[in-house]
Amino acid sequence: SKLFNINTRYSDDAIFLAQSTISSCEERGQNPKK
């Protein structure tokens, strides 16, 4: 919220999308770091 000037709900949704992307990579057997 401080770094990107967005409200806390947007921040929470951004974290949710990031976590979903990591989980999706792991399910497909891909390296999330790449």
PDB file of all heavy atoms in Angstrom:
ATOM      1  N   SER A   1       0.829  -1.215   0.000  1.00  0.00           N
ATOM      2  CA  SER A   1       0.000   0.000   0.000  1.00  0.00           C
ATOM      3  C   SER A   1       0.861   1.261   0.000  1.00  0.00           C
ATOM      4  O   SER A   1       0.538   2.249  -0.678  1.00  0.00           O
ATOM      5  CB  SER A   1      -0.914   0.000   1.231  1.00  0.00           C
ATOM      6  OG  SER A   1      -1.798  -1.102   1.186  1.00  0.00           O
ATOM      7  N   LYS A   2       1.969   1.234   0.740  1.00  0.00           N
ATOM      8  CA  LYS A   2       2.846   2.400   0.801  1.00  0.00           C
ATOM      9  C   LYS A   2       3.696   2.539  -0.462  1.00  0.00           C
ATOM     10  O   LYS A   2       3.859   3.641  -0.997  1.00  0.00           O
ATOM     11  CB  LYS A   2       3.754   2.295   2.030  1.00  0.00           C
ATOM     12  CG  LYS A   2       3.010   2.411   3.355  1.00  0.00           C
ATOM     13  CD  LYS A   2       3.982   2.279   4.521  1.00  0.00           C
ATOM     14  CE  LYS A   2       3.248   2.382   5.859  1.00  0.00           C
ATOM     15  NZ  LYS A   2       4.172   2.231   7.016  1.00  0.00           N
ATOM     16  N   LEU A   3       4.243   1.450  -0.932  1.00  0.00           N
ATOM     17  CA  LEU A   3       5.164   1.501  -2.074  1.00  0.00           C
ATOM     18  C   LEU A   3       4.464   1.872  -3.371  1.00  0.00           C
ATOM     19  O   LEU A   3       5.009   2.618  -4.193  1.00  0.00           O
ATOM     20  CB  LEU A   3       5.868   0.154  -2.228  1.00  0.00           C
ATOM     21  CG  LEU A   3       6.990  -0.176  -1.238  1.00  0.00           C
ATOM     22  CD1 LEU A   3       7.446  -1.621  -1.408  1.00  0.00           C
ATOM     23  CD2 LEU A   3       8.166   0.774  -1.442  1.00  0.00           C
ATOM     24  N   PHE A   4       3.256   1.350  -3.586  1.00  0.00           N
ATOM     25  CA  PHE A   4       2.608   1.510  -4.890  1.00  0.00           C
ATOM     26  C   PHE A   4       1.341   2.353  -4.841  1.00  0.00           C
ATOM     27  O   PHE A   4       0.634   2.462  -5.845  1.00  0.00           O
ATOM     28  CB  PHE A   4       2.285   0.120  -5.456  1.00  0.00           C
ATOM     29  CG  PHE A   4       3.490  -0.744  -5.637  1.00  0.00           C
ATOM     30  CD1 PHE A   4       3.845  -1.699  -4.686  1.00  0.00           C
ATOM     31  CD2 PHE A   4       4.309  -0.589  -6.747  1.00  0.00           C
ATOM     32  CE1 PHE A   4       4.960  -2.493  -4.847  1.00  0.00           C
ATOM     33  CE2 PHE A   4       5.441  -1.377  -6.917  1.00  0.00           C
ATOM     34  CZ  PHE A   4       5.770  -2.329  -5.959  1.00  0.00           C
ATOM     35  N   ASN A   5       1.065   2.963  -3.677  1.00  0.00           N
ATOM     36  CA  ASN A   5      -0.056   3.902  -3.535  1.00  0.00           C
ATOM     37  C   ASN A   5      -1.385   3.275  -3.983  1.00  0.00           C
ATOM     38  O   ASN A   5      -2.097   3.821  -4.822  1.00  0.00           O
ATOM     39  CB  ASN A   5       0.227   5.185  -4.339  1.00  0.00           C
ATOM     40  CG  ASN A   5      -0.751   6.289  -3.994  1.00  0.00           C
ATOM     41  OD1 ASN A   5      -1.329   6.295  -2.895  1.00  0.00           O
ATOM     42  ND2 ASN A   5      -0.956   7.214  -4.919  1.00  0.00           N
ATOM     43  N   ILE A   6      -1.674   2.094  -3.429  1.00  0.00           N
ATOM     44  CA  ILE A   6      -2.949   1.431  -3.675  1.00  0.00           C
ATOM     45  C   ILE A   6      -3.579   1.085  -2.329  1.00  0.00           C
ATOM     46  O   ILE A   6      -2.868   0.970  -1.326  1.00  0.00           O
ATOM     47  CB  ILE A   6      -2.792   0.150  -4.526  1.00  0.00           C
ATOM     48  CG1 ILE A   6      -1.773  -0.800  -3.889  1.00  0.00           C
ATOM     49  CG2 ILE A   6      -2.387   0.488  -5.953  1.00  0.00           C
ATOM     50  CD1 ILE A   6      -1.576  -2.103  -4.637  1.00  0.00           C
ATOM     51  N   ASN A   7      -4.909   0.971  -2.282  1.00  0.00           N
ATOM     52  CA  ASN A   7      -5.556   0.688  -1.003  1.00  0.00           C
ATOM     53  C   ASN A   7      -5.261  -0.743  -0.550  1.00  0.00           C
ATOM     54  O   ASN A   7      -4.772  -1.572  -1.323  1.00  0.00           O
ATOM     55  CB  ASN A   7      -7.065   0.970  -1.066  1.00  0.00           C
ATOM     56  CG  ASN A   7      -7.789   0.075  -2.065  1.00  0.00           C
ATOM     57  OD1 ASN A   7      -7.479  -1.102  -2.229  1.00  0.00           O
ATOM     58  ND2 ASN A   7      -8.786   0.646  -2.737  1.00  0.00           N
ATOM     59  N   THR A   8      -5.552  -1.030   0.713  1.00  0.00           N
ATOM     60  CA  THR A   8      -5.179  -2.322   1.299  1.00  0.00           C
ATOM     61  C   THR A   8      -5.896  -3.492   0.639  1.00  0.00           C
ATOM     62  O   THR A   8      -5.356  -4.598   0.576  1.00  0.00           O
ATOM     63  CB  THR A   8      -5.490  -2.326   2.805  1.00  0.00           C
ATOM     64  OG1 THR A   8      -6.865  -1.969   3.010  1.00  0.00           O
ATOM     65  CG2 THR A   8      -4.584  -1.360   3.541  1.00  0.00           C
ATOM     66  N   ARG A   9      -7.122  -3.248   0.144  1.00  0.00           N
ATOM     67  CA  ARG A   9      -7.844  -4.342  -0.512  1.00  0.00           C
ATOM     68  C   ARG A   9      -7.188  -4.711  -1.841  1.00  0.00           C
ATOM     69  O   ARG A   9      -7.073  -5.881  -2.188  1.00  0.00           O
ATOM     70  CB  ARG A   9      -9.313  -3.966  -0.725  1.00  0.00           C
ATOM     71  CG  ARG A   9     -10.172  -5.129  -1.178  1.00  0.00           C
ATOM     72  CD  ARG A   9     -11.634  -4.762  -1.113  1.00  0.00           C
ATOM     73  NE  ARG A   9     -12.141  -4.768   0.241  1.00  0.00           N
ATOM     74  CZ  ARG A   9     -12.764  -5.814   0.795  1.00  0.00           C
ATOM     75  NH1 ARG A   9     -12.902  -6.937   0.097  1.00  0.00           N
ATOM     76  NH2 ARG A   9     -13.221  -5.737   2.012  1.00  0.00           N
ATOM     77  N   TYR A  10      -6.753  -3.701  -2.590  1.00  0.00           N
ATOM     78  CA  TYR A  10      -5.984  -3.975  -3.817  1.00  0.00           C
ATOM     79  C   TYR A  10      -4.689  -4.715  -3.484  1.00  0.00           C
ATOM     80  O   TYR A  10      -4.267  -5.627  -4.194  1.00  0.00           O
ATOM     81  CB  TYR A  10      -5.657  -2.675  -4.554  1.00  0.00           C
ATOM     82  CG  TYR A  10      -6.745  -2.160  -5.481  1.00  0.00           C
ATOM     83  CD1 TYR A  10      -7.069  -0.804  -5.515  1.00  0.00           C
ATOM     84  CD2 TYR A  10      -7.428  -3.023  -6.334  1.00  0.00           C
ATOM     85  CE1 TYR A  10      -8.058  -0.315  -6.363  1.00  0.00           C
ATOM     86  CE2 TYR A  10      -8.414  -2.550  -7.190  1.00  0.00           C
ATOM     87  CZ  TYR A  10      -8.732  -1.191  -7.189  1.00  0.00           C
ATOM     88  OH  TYR A  10      -9.708  -0.724  -8.036  1.00  0.00           O
ATOM     89  N   SER A  11      -4.040  -4.303  -2.394  1.00  0.00           N
ATOM     90  CA  SER A  11      -2.788  -4.951  -1.976  1.00  0.00           C
ATOM     91  C   SER A  11      -3.022  -6.424  -1.665  1.00  0.00           C
ATOM     92  O   SER A  11      -2.242  -7.295  -2.065  1.00  0.00           O
ATOM     93  CB  SER A  11      -2.211  -4.245  -0.743  1.00  0.00           C
ATOM     94  OG  SER A  11      -1.906  -2.913  -1.023  1.00  0.00           O
ATOM     95  N   ASP A  12      -4.114  -6.690  -0.937  1.00  0.00           N
ATOM     96  CA  ASP A  12      -4.438  -8.069  -0.572  1.00  0.00           C
ATOM     97  C   ASP A  12      -4.731  -8.908  -1.816  1.00  0.00           C
ATOM     98  O   ASP A  12      -4.338 -10.075  -1.902  1.00  0.00           O
ATOM     99  CB  ASP A  12      -5.639  -8.085   0.372  1.00  0.00           C
ATOM    100  CG  ASP A  12      -5.750  -9.389   1.130  1.00  0.00           C
ATOM    101  OD1 ASP A  12      -4.702  -9.948   1.507  1.00  0.00           O
ATOM    102  OD2 ASP A  12      -6.885  -9.866   1.321  1.00  0.00           O
ATOM    103  N   ASP A  13      -5.409  -8.305  -2.795  1.00  0.00           N
ATOM    104  CA  ASP A  13      -5.709  -9.018  -4.045  1.00  0.00           C
ATOM    105  C   ASP A  13      -4.448  -9.272  -4.864  1.00  0.00           C
ATOM    106  O   ASP A  13      -4.329 -10.308  -5.528  1.00  0.00           O
ATOM    107  CB  ASP A  13      -6.724  -8.217  -4.871  1.00  0.00           C
ATOM    108  CG  ASP A  13      -8.099  -8.176  -4.226  1.00  0.00           C
ATOM    109  OD1 ASP A  13      -8.411  -9.118  -3.450  1.00  0.00           O
ATOM    110  OD2 ASP A  13      -8.847  -7.225  -4.473  1.00  0.00           O
ATOM    111  N   ALA A  14      -3.503  -8.331  -4.833  1.00  0.00           N
ATOM    112  CA  ALA A  14      -2.230  -8.532  -5.538  1.00  0.00           C
ATOM    113  C   ALA A  14      -1.456  -9.703  -4.931  1.00  0.00           C
ATOM    114  O   ALA A  14      -0.880 -10.526  -5.650  1.00  0.00           O
ATOM    115  CB  ALA A  14      -1.396  -7.255  -5.479  1.00  0.00           C
ATOM    116  N   ILE A  15      -1.462  -9.795  -3.597  1.00  0.00           N
ATOM    117  CA  ILE A  15      -0.795 -10.915  -2.913  1.00  0.00           C
ATOM    118  C   ILE A  15      -1.498 -12.234  -3.252  1.00  0.00           C
ATOM    119  O   ILE A  15      -0.852 -13.264  -3.462  1.00  0.00           O
ATOM    120  CB  ILE A  15      -0.781 -10.682  -1.394  1.00  0.00           C
ATOM    121  CG1 ILE A  15       0.040  -9.420  -1.059  1.00  0.00           C
ATOM    122  CG2 ILE A  15      -0.194 -11.889  -0.665  1.00  0.00           C
ATOM    123  CD1 ILE A  15      -0.109  -8.956   0.368  1.00  0.00           C
ATOM    124  N   PHE A  16      -2.827 -12.182  -3.292  1.00  0.00           N
ATOM    125  CA  PHE A  16      -3.612 -13.380  -3.624  1.00  0.00           C
ATOM    126  C   PHE A  16      -3.260 -13.895  -5.023  1.00  0.00           C
ATOM    127  O   PHE A  16      -3.065 -15.097  -5.228  1.00  0.00           O
ATOM    128  CB  PHE A  16      -5.107 -13.052  -3.545  1.00  0.00           C
ATOM    129  CG  PHE A  16      -6.001 -14.149  -4.034  1.00  0.00           C
ATOM    130  CD1 PHE A  16      -6.248 -15.267  -3.253  1.00  0.00           C
ATOM    131  CD2 PHE A  16      -6.589 -14.071  -5.295  1.00  0.00           C
ATOM    132  CE1 PHE A  16      -7.080 -16.288  -3.719  1.00  0.00           C
ATOM    133  CE2 PHE A  16      -7.413 -15.078  -5.761  1.00  0.00           C
ATOM    134  CZ  PHE A  16      -7.657 -16.194  -4.968  1.00  0.00           C
ATOM    135  N   LEU A  17      -3.162 -12.984  -6.005  1.00  0.00           N
ATOM    136  CA  LEU A  17      -2.797 -13.386  -7.366  1.00  0.00           C
ATOM    137  C   LEU A  17      -1.383 -13.952  -7.414  1.00  0.00           C
ATOM    138  O   LEU A  17      -1.119 -14.934  -8.115  1.00  0.00           O
ATOM    139  CB  LEU A  17      -2.905 -12.188  -8.324  1.00  0.00           C
ATOM    140  CG  LEU A  17      -4.296 -11.791  -8.829  1.00  0.00           C
ATOM    141  CD1 LEU A  17      -4.162 -10.667  -9.851  1.00  0.00           C
ATOM    142  CD2 LEU A  17      -5.023 -12.966  -9.451  1.00  0.00           C
ATOM    143  N   ALA A  18      -0.468 -13.323  -6.679  1.00  0.00           N
ATOM    144  CA  ALA A  18       0.922 -13.800  -6.652  1.00  0.00           C
ATOM    145  C   ALA A  18       1.000 -15.210  -6.078  1.00  0.00           C
ATOM    146  O   ALA A  18       1.680 -16.084  -6.621  1.00  0.00           O
ATOM    147  CB  ALA A  18       1.779 -12.836  -5.838  1.00  0.00           C
ATOM    148  N   GLN A  19       0.280 -15.449  -4.971  1.00  0.00           N
ATOM    149  CA  GLN A  19       0.287 -16.768  -4.347  1.00  0.00           C
ATOM    150  C   GLN A  19      -0.351 -17.812  -5.260  1.00  0.00           C
ATOM    151  O   GLN A  19       0.119 -18.948  -5.351  1.00  0.00           O
ATOM    152  CB  GLN A  19      -0.458 -16.712  -3.008  1.00  0.00           C
ATOM    153  CG  GLN A  19      -0.403 -18.008  -2.213  1.00  0.00           C
ATOM    154  CD  GLN A  19       1.016 -18.400  -1.859  1.00  0.00           C
ATOM    155  OE1 GLN A  19       1.693 -17.679  -1.133  1.00  0.00           O
ATOM    156  NE2 GLN A  19       1.476 -19.530  -2.370  1.00  0.00           N
ATOM    157  N   SER A  20      -1.426 -17.431  -5.962  1.00  0.00           N
ATOM    158  CA  SER A  20      -2.080 -18.342  -6.897  1.00  0.00           C
ATOM    159  C   SER A  20      -1.157 -18.718  -8.047  1.00  0.00           C
ATOM    160  O   SER A  20      -1.149 -19.870  -8.504  1.00  0.00           O
ATOM    161  CB  SER A  20      -3.362 -17.697  -7.453  1.00  0.00           C
ATOM    162  OG  SER A  20      -4.271 -17.398  -6.424  1.00  0.00           O
ATOM    163  N   THR A  21      -0.363 -17.760  -8.513  1.00  0.00           N
ATOM    164  CA  THR A  21       0.584 -18.016  -9.598  1.00  0.00           C
ATOM    165  C   THR A  21       1.670 -18.992  -9.154  1.00  0.00           C
ATOM    166  O   THR A  21       2.046 -19.902  -9.896  1.00  0.00           O
ATOM    167  CB  THR A  21       1.228 -16.699 -10.069  1.00  0.00           C
ATOM    168  OG1 THR A  21       0.206 -15.761 -10.409  1.00  0.00           O
ATOM    169  CG2 THR A  21       2.098 -16.937 -11.296  1.00  0.00           C
ATOM    170  N   ILE A  22       2.164 -18.823  -7.928  1.00  0.00           N
ATOM    171  CA  ILE A  22       3.178 -19.740  -7.394  1.00  0.00           C
ATOM    172  C   ILE A  22       2.614 -21.153  -7.281  1.00  0.00           C
ATOM    173  O   ILE A  22       3.248 -22.134  -7.677  1.00  0.00           O
ATOM    174  CB  ILE A  22       3.676 -19.244  -6.026  1.00  0.00           C
ATOM    175  CG1 ILE A  22       4.457 -17.939  -6.180  1.00  0.00           C
ATOM    176  CG2 ILE A  22       4.570 -20.298  -5.360  1.00  0.00           C
ATOM    177  CD1 ILE A  22       4.824 -17.272  -4.872  1.00  0.00           C
ATOM    178  N   SER A  23       1.402 -21.265  -6.760  1.00  0.00           N
ATOM    179  CA  SER A  23       0.760 -22.583  -6.604  1.00  0.00           C
ATOM    180  C   SER A  23       0.536 -23.239  -7.954  1.00  0.00           C
ATOM    181  O   SER A  23       0.717 -24.451  -8.106  1.00  0.00           O
ATOM    182  CB  SER A  23      -0.576 -22.428  -5.869  1.00  0.00           C
ATOM    183  OG  SER A  23      -0.392 -21.867  -4.593  1.00  0.00           O
ATOM    184  N   SER A  24       0.147 -22.444  -8.951  1.00  0.00           N
ATOM    185  CA  SER A  24      -0.082 -22.972 -10.295  1.00  0.00           C
ATOM    186  C   SER A  24       1.208 -23.518 -10.906  1.00  0.00           C
ATOM    187  O   SER A  24       1.205 -24.580 -11.540  1.00  0.00           O
ATOM    188  CB  SER A  24      -0.674 -21.878 -11.191  1.00  0.00           C
ATOM    189  OG  SER A  24      -0.885 -22.338 -12.495  1.00  0.00           O
ATOM    190  N   CYS A  25       2.309 -22.801 -10.707  1.00  0.00           N
ATOM    191  CA  CYS A  25       3.611 -23.263 -11.210  1.00  0.00           C
ATOM    192  C   CYS A  25       4.010 -24.584 -10.558  1.00  0.00           C
ATOM    193  O   CYS A  25       4.493 -25.502 -11.234  1.00  0.00           O
ATOM    194  CB  CYS A  25       4.689 -22.212 -10.953  1.00  0.00           C
ATOM    195  SG  CYS A  25       4.588 -20.769 -12.013  1.00  0.00           S
ATOM    196  N   GLU A  26       3.809 -24.680  -9.267  1.00  0.00           N
ATOM    197  CA  GLU A  26       4.170 -25.896  -8.538  1.00  0.00           C
ATOM    198  C   GLU A  26       3.325 -27.087  -8.978  1.00  0.00           C
ATOM    199  O   GLU A  26       3.821 -28.211  -9.061  1.00  0.00           O
ATOM    200  CB  GLU A  26       4.026 -25.658  -7.033  1.00  0.00           C
ATOM    201  CG  GLU A  26       5.074 -24.699  -6.480  1.00  0.00           C
ATOM    202  CD  GLU A  26       4.838 -24.349  -5.025  1.00  0.00           C
ATOM    203  OE1 GLU A  26       3.731 -24.673  -4.514  1.00  0.00           O
ATOM    204  OE2 GLU A  26       5.734 -23.751  -4.398  1.00  0.00           O
ATOM    205  N   GLU A  27       2.039 -26.865  -9.259  1.00  0.00           N
ATOM    206  CA  GLU A  27       1.165 -27.939  -9.721  1.00  0.00           C
ATOM    207  C   GLU A  27       1.603 -28.465 -11.080  1.00  0.00           C
ATOM    208  O   GLU A  27       1.494 -29.651 -11.358  1.00  0.00           O
ATOM    209  CB  GLU A  27      -0.280 -27.439  -9.810  1.00  0.00           C
ATOM    210  CG  GLU A  27      -0.970 -27.310  -8.465  1.00  0.00           C
ATOM    211  CD  GLU A  27      -2.404 -26.853  -8.587  1.00  0.00           C
ATOM    212  OE1 GLU A  27      -2.893 -26.750  -9.738  1.00  0.00           O
ATOM    213  OE2 GLU A  27      -3.045 -26.597  -7.553  1.00  0.00           O
ATOM    214  N   ARG A  28       2.090 -27.574 -11.943  1.00  0.00           N
ATOM    215  CA  ARG A  28       2.539 -27.975 -13.276  1.00  0.00           C
ATOM    216  C   ARG A  28       3.965 -28.518 -13.277  1.00  0.00           C
ATOM    217  O   ARG A  28       4.472 -28.920 -14.325  1.00  0.00           O
ATOM    218  CB  ARG A  28       2.441 -26.790 -14.244  1.00  0.00           C
ATOM    219  CG  ARG A  28       1.037 -26.298 -14.503  1.00  0.00           C
ATOM    220  CD  ARG A  28       1.010 -25.388 -15.727  1.00  0.00           C
ATOM    221  NE  ARG A  28       1.902 -24.267 -15.567  1.00  0.00           N
ATOM    222  CZ  ARG A  28       1.544 -23.063 -15.082  1.00  0.00           C
ATOM    223  NH1 ARG A  28       0.305 -22.874 -14.675  1.00  0.00           N
ATOM    224  NH2 ARG A  28       2.412 -22.085 -14.982  1.00  0.00           N
ATOM    225  N   GLY A  29       4.624 -28.489 -12.133  1.00  0.00           N
ATOM    226  CA  GLY A  29       5.992 -28.981 -12.044  1.00  0.00           C
ATOM    227  C   GLY A  29       7.020 -27.994 -12.563  1.00  0.00           C
ATOM    228  O   GLY A  29       8.148 -28.374 -12.885  1.00  0.00           O
ATOM    229  N   GLN A  30       6.677 -26.703 -12.628  1.00  0.00           N
ATOM    230  CA  GLN A  30       7.597 -25.680 -13.115  1.00  0.00           C
ATOM    231  C   GLN A  30       8.268 -24.969 -11.946  1.00  0.00           C
ATOM    232  O   GLN A  30       7.741 -24.949 -10.831  1.00  0.00           O
ATOM    233  CB  GLN A  30       6.838 -24.667 -13.985  1.00  0.00           C
ATOM    234  CG  GLN A  30       6.230 -25.273 -15.237  1.00  0.00           C
ATOM    235  CD  GLN A  30       5.414 -24.259 -16.017  1.00  0.00           C
ATOM    236  OE1 GLN A  30       5.133 -23.164 -15.529  1.00  0.00           O
ATOM    237  NE2 GLN A  30       5.020 -24.622 -17.223  1.00  0.00           N
ATOM    238  N   ASN A  31       9.411 -24.392 -12.221  1.00  0.00           N
ATOM    239  CA  ASN A  31      10.149 -23.639 -11.205  1.00  0.00           C
ATOM    240  C   ASN A  31       9.587 -22.219 -11.116  1.00  0.00           C
ATOM    241  O   ASN A  31       9.699 -21.450 -12.081  1.00  0.00           O
ATOM    242  CB  ASN A  31      11.633 -23.598 -11.560  1.00  0.00           C
ATOM    243  CG  ASN A  31      12.467 -22.973 -10.451  1.00  0.00           C
ATOM    244  OD1 ASN A  31      11.941 -22.444  -9.478  1.00  0.00           O
ATOM    245  ND2 ASN A  31      13.763 -23.042 -10.597  1.00  0.00           N
ATOM    246  N   PRO A  32       8.957 -21.821  -9.984  1.00  0.00           N
ATOM    247  CA  PRO A  32       8.368 -20.467  -9.885  1.00  0.00           C
ATOM    248  C   PRO A  32       9.383 -19.348 -10.061  1.00  0.00           C
ATOM    249  O   PRO A  32       9.024 -18.247 -10.483  1.00  0.00           O
ATOM    250  CB  PRO A  32       7.775 -20.451  -8.463  1.00  0.00           C
ATOM    251  CG  PRO A  32       7.626 -21.883  -8.076  1.00  0.00           C
ATOM    252  CD  PRO A  32       8.736 -22.612  -8.769  1.00  0.00           C
ATOM    253  N   LYS A  33      10.647 -19.630  -9.763  1.00  0.00           N
ATOM    254  CA  LYS A  33      11.674 -18.588  -9.871  1.00  0.00           C
ATOM    255  C   LYS A  33      11.992 -18.240 -11.323  1.00  0.00           C
ATOM    256  O   LYS A  33      12.570 -17.192 -11.603  1.00  0.00           O
ATOM    257  CB  LYS A  33      12.951 -19.043  -9.162  1.00  0.00           C
ATOM    258  CG  LYS A  33      12.787 -19.185  -7.659  1.00  0.00           C
ATOM    259  CD  LYS A  33      14.089 -19.592  -6.994  1.00  0.00           C
ATOM    260  CE  LYS A  33      13.925 -19.709  -5.478  1.00  0.00           C
ATOM    261  NZ  LYS A  33      15.185 -20.112  -4.822  1.00  0.00           N
ATOM    262  N   LYS A  34      11.619 -19.118 -12.246  1.00  0.00           N
ATOM    263  CA  LYS A  34      11.923 -18.886 -13.657  1.00  0.00           C
ATOM    264  C   LYS A  34      10.743 -18.299 -14.429  1.00  0.00           C
ATOM    265  O   LYS A  34      10.794 -18.183 -15.644  1.00  0.00           O
ATOM    266  CB  LYS A  34      12.360 -20.197 -14.306  1.00  0.00           C
ATOM    267  CG  LYS A  34      13.683 -20.735 -13.781  1.00  0.00           C
ATOM    268  CD  LYS A  34      14.130 -21.968 -14.534  1.00  0.00           C
ATOM    269  CE  LYS A  34      15.486 -22.463 -14.032  1.00  0.00           C
ATOM    270  NZ  LYS A  34      15.938 -23.665 -14.776  1.00  0.00           N
TER     271      LYS A  34
END
